[in-house]
Amino acid sequence: MIEVLEHNTEFNYKIYNFNNYCSLNKQNLLYESKAAHAKYLRHFQDNHSSTRHGSKYYNLFSLTAGYPFFYQIFKFIKFSTFDFLQNNFENLFMEAWINYDSSDEILDWHNHNEIFLCHGYLNIEPKNSYTEFKNYSIKNEIGQMYVGPSDRLHRVVVKEPFDDYRITIAFNVTNLERMRDMGFKFTNQHFSFIPL
């Protein structure tokens, strides 16, 4: 069961929890995350350990086809996205990637193209961190997922150092109409969209 922990109408975002699925299955998700990261590095040797650098060339859920715990995550993201968008859009497409970051690869200020209907991220191993937006911040907890507008500037702030990896699954969602508006220049450079 999926729970809405927060519905912020002022800033138009929601925080979801997947009924402790990520906490209860943390070791399996960490194993599948490590396997996905290794698979990415084997096939996309782009000199970056973080898989977000090649995110326009792959979709996490194609990369992890056959991974049972990631399949549940896909269903969680799909349900939450439809809930956030209130089923107001048809022909949805999603690009998704894994942020598998060492302490010196933490995301600084950035946003996601406004052509997307929404952006979100799910915390698998967030460490002691929060995501700072210009007008609010979200404390990152295992199993919690943020979904909000894609054009908001945000960054990750880590409150204490760590030796291994901070792991999140991030995604952008758009629809067929917006993809057509993007034009071939954009869609011919992005191979990461899958139907939602």
Protein backbone atom coordinates (compact mmCIF):
# COMPACT_ATOMS: atom_id res chain seq x y z
CA MET A 1 0.00 0.00 0.00
CA ILE A 2 1.18 3.50 -0.88
CA GLU A 3 0.74 6.29 1.62
CA VAL A 4 0.75 10.04 0.96
CA LEU A 5 2.82 11.50 3.81
CA GLU A 6 2.50 15.12 2.72
CA HIS A 7 0.47 16.99 0.14
CA ASN A 8 1.81 20.53 0.02
CA THR A 9 -0.66 22.65 -1.94
CA GLU A 10 1.32 25.88 -1.51
CA PHE A 11 4.31 24.51 -3.45
CA ASN A 12 2.45 21.76 -5.32
CA TYR A 13 4.38 18.66 -4.30
CA LYS A 14 3.67 15.34 -2.62
CA ILE A 15 5.73 13.00 -0.47
CA TYR A 16 4.85 9.31 -0.74
CA ASN A 17 5.86 6.26 1.28
CA PHE A 18 5.72 2.73 -0.06
CA ASN A 19 4.53 1.16 3.22
CA ASN A 20 8.06 0.49 4.45
CA TYR A 21 8.83 -1.55 1.33
CA CYS A 22 12.25 0.02 0.93
CA SER A 23 13.13 -0.37 4.61
CA LEU A 24 11.98 -3.98 4.73
CA ASN A 25 13.78 -4.83 1.48
CA LYS A 26 16.78 -2.53 1.88
CA GLN A 27 19.46 -5.20 1.43
CA ASN A 28 17.80 -6.54 -1.72
CA LEU A 29 17.43 -3.03 -3.14
CA LEU A 30 21.06 -2.22 -2.32
CA TYR A 31 22.13 -5.44 -4.05
CA GLU A 32 20.06 -4.67 -7.15
CA SER A 33 21.28 -1.04 -7.12
CA LYS A 34 24.90 -2.19 -7.03
CA ALA A 35 24.21 -4.67 -9.85
CA ALA A 36 22.51 -1.96 -11.94
CA HIS A 37 25.42 0.41 -11.36
CA ALA A 38 27.95 -2.25 -12.40
CA LYS A 39 25.89 -3.11 -15.48
CA TYR A 40 25.75 0.57 -16.41
CA LEU A 41 29.53 0.95 -16.06
CA ARG A 42 30.11 -2.12 -18.26
CA HIS A 43 27.91 -0.85 -21.07
CA PHE A 44 28.30 2.94 -20.84
CA GLN A 45 31.94 3.63 -20.13
CA ASP A 46 31.68 7.40 -19.82
CA ASN A 47 34.32 7.93 -17.09
CA HIS A 48 31.67 8.81 -14.49
CA SER A 49 30.76 6.50 -11.67
CA SER A 50 27.39 8.23 -11.30
CA THR A 51 24.82 6.87 -13.72
CA ARG A 52 23.00 10.20 -14.02
CA HIS A 53 25.65 11.46 -16.47
CA GLY A 54 24.40 9.01 -19.10
CA SER A 55 20.74 9.24 -18.16
CA LYS A 56 19.61 10.31 -21.63
CA TYR A 57 21.00 7.08 -23.10
CA TYR A 58 19.29 4.50 -20.91
CA ASN A 59 16.25 3.96 -18.73
CA LEU A 60 16.82 2.47 -15.31
CA PHE A 61 13.87 0.10 -15.69
CA SER A 62 15.20 -1.27 -18.98
CA LEU A 63 18.61 -1.66 -17.37
CA THR A 64 17.06 -3.54 -14.42
CA ALA A 65 14.63 -5.73 -16.38
CA GLY A 66 14.33 -8.98 -14.44
CA TYR A 67 15.16 -7.36 -11.07
CA PRO A 68 12.08 -8.17 -8.93
CA PHE A 69 12.57 -5.43 -6.32
CA PHE A 70 13.08 -2.75 -8.95
CA TYR A 71 9.92 -3.95 -10.67
CA GLN A 72 7.99 -3.13 -7.48
CA ILE A 73 9.68 0.29 -7.43
CA PHE A 74 8.54 0.87 -11.03
CA LYS A 75 4.95 0.11 -10.04
CA PHE A 76 5.26 2.44 -7.03
CA ILE A 77 6.54 5.28 -9.23
CA LYS A 78 3.82 4.67 -11.82
CA PHE A 79 1.02 4.74 -9.24
CA SER A 80 2.40 7.83 -7.48
CA THR A 81 2.91 9.72 -10.73
CA PHE A 82 -0.66 9.08 -11.85
CA ASP A 83 -1.86 10.17 -8.40
CA PHE A 84 0.22 13.36 -8.51
CA LEU A 85 -0.95 14.25 -12.02
CA GLN A 86 -4.52 13.24 -11.02
CA ASN A 87 -4.90 11.23 -14.24
CA ASN A 88 -5.19 14.49 -16.21
CA PHE A 89 -2.77 13.38 -18.92
CA GLU A 90 -2.64 10.52 -21.41
CA ASN A 91 0.25 8.92 -23.27
CA LEU A 92 2.79 9.38 -20.49
CA PHE A 93 6.50 8.65 -20.92
CA MET A 94 9.13 8.43 -18.22
CA GLU A 95 12.89 8.62 -18.12
CA ALA A 96 14.47 7.19 -14.97
CA TRP A 97 18.01 6.82 -13.72
CA ILE A 98 19.85 5.86 -10.57
CA ASN A 99 21.94 8.37 -8.65
CA TYR A 100 24.70 6.19 -7.21
CA ASP A 101 26.91 8.89 -5.73
CA SER A 102 30.04 9.00 -3.62
CA SER A 103 30.38 11.90 -1.18
CA ASP A 104 32.22 14.03 -3.77
CA GLU A 105 29.50 13.56 -6.44
CA ILE A 106 26.56 15.08 -4.57
CA LEU A 107 24.18 17.10 -6.74
CA ASP A 108 24.54 20.87 -6.66
CA TRP A 109 21.88 23.37 -7.79
CA HIS A 110 20.03 22.18 -10.89
CA ASN A 111 16.55 21.73 -12.28
CA HIS A 112 14.85 19.58 -14.88
CA ASN A 113 13.51 20.88 -18.15
CA GLU A 114 10.13 22.58 -17.86
CA ILE A 115 8.82 20.43 -20.71
CA PHE A 116 8.36 17.65 -18.16
CA LEU A 117 5.07 17.36 -16.32
CA CYS A 118 6.83 16.39 -13.12
CA HIS A 119 10.09 15.26 -11.58
CA GLY A 120 10.57 12.91 -8.67
CA TYR A 121 13.06 10.89 -6.69
CA LEU A 122 12.86 7.88 -4.40
CA ASN A 123 15.32 7.42 -1.55
CA ILE A 124 16.95 4.00 -1.39
CA GLU A 125 20.00 4.96 0.71
CA PRO A 126 19.82 8.73 1.22
CA LYS A 127 22.38 8.97 4.01
CA ASN A 128 21.87 11.91 6.37
CA SER A 129 20.73 14.40 3.74
CA TYR A 130 18.00 16.70 2.62
CA THR A 131 16.97 18.17 -0.71
CA GLU A 132 16.93 21.93 -0.66
CA PHE A 133 14.63 23.87 -2.96
CA LYS A 134 14.54 27.67 -3.13
CA ASN A 135 11.46 27.94 -0.88
CA TYR A 136 11.41 24.67 1.06
CA SER A 137 13.46 21.58 1.89
CA ILE A 138 12.70 17.87 2.15
CA LYS A 139 14.45 15.60 4.67
CA ASN A 140 15.40 12.45 2.78
CA GLU A 141 14.26 9.21 4.42
CA ILE A 142 14.53 5.64 3.13
CA GLY A 143 11.46 4.71 1.10
CA GLN A 144 10.11 8.22 0.75
CA MET A 145 9.46 9.64 -2.69
CA TYR A 146 9.11 13.28 -3.67
CA VAL A 147 7.05 14.27 -6.75
CA GLY A 148 6.73 17.90 -7.84
CA PRO A 149 7.14 20.34 -10.73
CA SER A 150 10.22 19.70 -12.85
CA ASP A 151 11.49 23.25 -13.24
CA ARG A 152 12.27 23.88 -9.54
CA LEU A 153 15.90 24.55 -8.67
CA HIS A 154 17.13 22.10 -6.05
CA ARG A 155 20.27 20.53 -4.63
CA VAL A 156 21.25 17.79 -2.20
CA VAL A 157 22.78 18.78 1.12
CA VAL A 158 24.62 16.10 3.08
CA LYS A 159 24.76 16.68 6.83
CA GLU A 160 27.59 14.25 7.59
CA PRO A 161 30.27 12.55 5.49
CA PHE A 162 29.93 8.94 4.32
CA ASP A 163 32.30 6.35 2.83
CA ASP A 164 30.10 4.34 0.49
CA TYR A 165 27.25 5.52 -1.78
CA ARG A 166 24.15 7.64 -1.57
CA ILE A 167 21.48 5.97 -3.74
CA THR A 168 18.29 7.46 -5.13
CA ILE A 169 16.11 6.72 -8.13
CA ALA A 170 15.16 9.84 -10.07
CA PHE A 171 12.69 10.31 -12.89
CA ASN A 172 11.03 12.83 -15.18
CA VAL A 173 7.60 12.34 -16.73
CA THR A 174 6.19 13.94 -19.86
CA ASN A 175 3.48 13.13 -22.38
CA LEU A 176 3.29 12.60 -26.12
CA GLU A 177 2.08 16.15 -26.81
CA ARG A 178 5.02 17.70 -24.96
CA MET A 179 7.44 15.30 -26.62
CA ARG A 180 6.16 16.47 -30.01
CA ASP A 181 6.59 20.08 -28.88
CA MET A 182 10.21 19.30 -27.92
CA GLY A 183 10.91 18.43 -31.50
CA PHE A 184 13.22 15.88 -33.03
CA LYS A 185 16.37 17.65 -31.83
CA PHE A 186 15.50 16.76 -28.24
CA THR A 187 13.94 13.34 -28.74
CA ASN A 188 16.68 12.21 -31.14
CA GLN A 189 19.24 12.86 -28.41
CA HIS A 190 17.31 11.12 -25.63
CA PHE A 191 16.86 7.36 -25.78
CA SER A 192 15.67 7.07 -22.21
CA PHE A 193 11.89 7.39 -22.44
CA ILE A 194 9.62 4.42 -21.83
CA PRO A 195 5.80 4.39 -21.79
CA LEU A 196 4.26 4.78 -18.38
